[in-house]
Amino acid sequence: MRWNITSVNRTRVFTRLPGAAAKGDKDMITKDMIIGDVISEHPELVRTFFANGMMCIGCPASQGESIEAAAQVHGLDGDALTAALNEALA
């Protein structure tokens, strides 16, 4: 199932993405997901973050920063990183 995860006043808000299948759909990573939430749910993806140039997984900012925002800060392509993360989950 695909979810949109955002932080609102330090509270994480989970909303189902439009068109996402309710059951049987495999979890998909989206670039608007918070890095800390992705790592909490899929710790095996740390290697994929590292392999794609995202070395700040332990940084306090990663606990509230989206994949897209962090990619921009580090000069990375957020879409390519998201695709690599989803490929690693396959």
C-alpha atoms as a PDB file:
ATOM      1  CA  MET A   1       0.000   0.000   0.000  1.00  0.00           C
ATOM      2  CA  ARG A   2       1.321   3.454  -0.811  1.00  0.00           C
ATOM      3  CA  TRP A   3       1.199   6.137   1.829  1.00  0.00           C
ATOM      4  CA  ASN A   4       2.054   9.785   1.943  1.00  0.00           C
ATOM      5  CA  ILE A   5       3.919  10.641   5.132  1.00  0.00           C
ATOM      6  CA  THR A   6       4.260  14.265   6.164  1.00  0.00           C
ATOM      7  CA  SER A   7       5.222  15.995   9.367  1.00  0.00           C
ATOM      8  CA  VAL A   8       2.857  18.548  10.837  1.00  0.00           C
ATOM      9  CA  ASN A   9       4.000  20.252  14.031  1.00  0.00           C
ATOM     10  CA  ARG A  10       6.305  17.292  14.741  1.00  0.00           C
ATOM     11  CA  THR A  11       3.405  14.866  14.390  1.00  0.00           C
ATOM     12  CA  ARG A  12       3.566  12.484  11.479  1.00  0.00           C
ATOM     13  CA  VAL A  13       0.451  12.361   9.345  1.00  0.00           C
ATOM     14  CA  PHE A  14      -0.175   9.268   7.213  1.00  0.00           C
ATOM     15  CA  THR A  15      -2.557   9.536   4.284  1.00  0.00           C
ATOM     16  CA  ARG A  16      -3.232   6.948   1.627  1.00  0.00           C
ATOM     17  CA  LEU A  17      -2.179   8.089  -1.823  1.00  0.00           C
ATOM     18  CA  PRO A  18      -4.956   8.362  -4.399  1.00  0.00           C
ATOM     19  CA  GLY A  19      -5.238   5.251  -6.515  1.00  0.00           C
ATOM     20  CA  ALA A  20      -3.170   3.092  -4.166  1.00  0.00           C
ATOM     21  CA  ALA A  21      -4.464  -0.437  -3.811  1.00  0.00           C
ATOM     22  CA  ALA A  22      -5.736  -1.306  -0.356  1.00  0.00           C
ATOM     23  CA  LYS A  23      -4.345  -4.833  -0.031  1.00  0.00           C
ATOM     24  CA  GLY A  24      -1.772  -6.850  -1.875  1.00  0.00           C
ATOM     25  CA  ASP A  25      -0.042  -3.776  -3.276  1.00  0.00           C
ATOM     26  CA  LYS A  26       3.564  -3.740  -2.274  1.00  0.00           C
ATOM     27  CA  ASP A  27       4.889  -0.796  -0.313  1.00  0.00           C
ATOM     28  CA  MET A  28       6.239   1.928  -2.541  1.00  0.00           C
ATOM     29  CA  ILE A  29       8.657   4.630  -1.519  1.00  0.00           C
ATOM     30  CA  THR A  30       7.776   8.139  -2.702  1.00  0.00           C
ATOM     31  CA  LYS A  31      10.076  11.144  -2.714  1.00  0.00           C
ATOM     32  CA  ASP A  32       7.850  13.038  -0.294  1.00  0.00           C
ATOM     33  CA  MET A  33       8.353  10.405   2.437  1.00  0.00           C
ATOM     34  CA  ILE A  34      10.435  11.287   5.482  1.00  0.00           C
ATOM     35  CA  ILE A  35      13.840   9.587   5.433  1.00  0.00           C
ATOM     36  CA  GLY A  36      13.630   8.584   9.111  1.00  0.00           C
ATOM     37  CA  ASP A  37      10.252   6.919   8.521  1.00  0.00           C
ATOM     38  CA  VAL A  38      11.552   5.006   5.503  1.00  0.00           C
ATOM     39  CA  ILE A  39      14.578   3.749   7.452  1.00  0.00           C
ATOM     40  CA  SER A  40      12.406   2.783  10.422  1.00  0.00           C
ATOM     41  CA  GLU A  41      10.143   0.738   8.159  1.00  0.00           C
ATOM     42  CA  HIS A  42      12.885  -0.618   5.877  1.00  0.00           C
ATOM     43  CA  PRO A  43      16.295  -0.571   7.630  1.00  0.00           C
ATOM     44  CA  GLU A  44      17.717  -2.646   4.777  1.00  0.00           C
ATOM     45  CA  LEU A  45      17.494   0.461   2.571  1.00  0.00           C
ATOM     46  CA  VAL A  46      20.346   2.213   4.416  1.00  0.00           C
ATOM     47  CA  ARG A  47      22.788   0.589   1.969  1.00  0.00           C
ATOM     48  CA  THR A  48      20.776   1.895  -0.977  1.00  0.00           C
ATOM     49  CA  PHE A  49      20.798   5.421   0.442  1.00  0.00           C
ATOM     50  CA  PHE A  50      24.599   5.165   0.894  1.00  0.00           C
ATOM     51  CA  ALA A  51      25.135   3.684  -2.584  1.00  0.00           C
ATOM     52  CA  ASN A  52      23.264   6.626  -4.093  1.00  0.00           C
ATOM     53  CA  GLY A  53      25.254   9.330  -2.302  1.00  0.00           C
ATOM     54  CA  MET A  54      22.951   9.952   0.666  1.00  0.00           C
ATOM     55  CA  MET A  55      25.373   9.590   3.567  1.00  0.00           C
ATOM     56  CA  CYS A  56      23.488  11.592   6.205  1.00  0.00           C
ATOM     57  CA  ILE A  57      21.091   8.865   7.349  1.00  0.00           C
ATOM     58  CA  GLY A  58      22.002   9.402  11.010  1.00  0.00           C
ATOM     59  CA  CYS A  59      21.730  13.181  10.738  1.00  0.00           C
ATOM     60  CA  PRO A  60      19.012  14.707  12.945  1.00  0.00           C
ATOM     61  CA  ALA A  61      17.570  16.462   9.873  1.00  0.00           C
ATOM     62  CA  SER A  62      16.832  13.080   8.260  1.00  0.00           C
ATOM     63  CA  GLN A  63      14.234  12.441  10.937  1.00  0.00           C
ATOM     64  CA  GLY A  64      12.012  15.172   9.535  1.00  0.00           C
ATOM     65  CA  GLU A  65      13.264  15.721   5.996  1.00  0.00           C
ATOM     66  CA  SER A  66      11.738  14.242   2.873  1.00  0.00           C
ATOM     67  CA  ILE A  67      13.773  12.227   0.381  1.00  0.00           C
ATOM     68  CA  GLU A  68      13.200  14.954  -2.206  1.00  0.00           C
ATOM     69  CA  ALA A  69      14.338  17.797   0.080  1.00  0.00           C
ATOM     70  CA  ALA A  70      17.456  15.922   1.190  1.00  0.00           C
ATOM     71  CA  ALA A  71      18.292  15.027  -2.404  1.00  0.00           C
ATOM     72  CA  GLN A  72      18.078  18.700  -3.390  1.00  0.00           C
ATOM     73  CA  VAL A  73      20.350  19.753  -0.521  1.00  0.00           C
ATOM     74  CA  HIS A  74      22.932  17.147  -1.559  1.00  0.00           C
ATOM     75  CA  GLY A  75      22.663  17.791  -5.301  1.00  0.00           C
ATOM     76  CA  LEU A  76      21.088  14.415  -6.032  1.00  0.00           C
ATOM     77  CA  ASP A  77      18.200  13.422  -8.271  1.00  0.00           C
ATOM     78  CA  GLY A  78      15.244  12.658  -5.964  1.00  0.00           C
ATOM     79  CA  ASP A  79      13.443  10.650  -8.651  1.00  0.00           C
ATOM     80  CA  ALA A  80      16.510   8.472  -9.306  1.00  0.00           C
ATOM     81  CA  LEU A  81      17.022   7.894  -5.581  1.00  0.00           C
ATOM     82  CA  THR A  82      13.365   6.976  -5.112  1.00  0.00           C
ATOM     83  CA  ALA A  83      13.544   4.563  -8.061  1.00  0.00           C
ATOM     84  CA  ALA A  84      16.662   2.929  -6.574  1.00  0.00           C
ATOM     85  CA  LEU A  85      14.940   2.531  -3.201  1.00  0.00           C
ATOM     86  CA  ASN A  86      11.899   0.924  -4.801  1.00  0.00           C
ATOM     87  CA  GLU A  87      14.095  -1.359  -6.887  1.00  0.00           C
ATOM     88  CA  ALA A  88      15.898  -2.463  -3.711  1.00  0.00           C
ATOM     89  CA  LEU A  89      12.522  -3.340  -2.168  1.00  0.00           C
ATOM     90  CA  ALA A  90      11.523  -5.478  -5.179  1.00  0.00           C
END
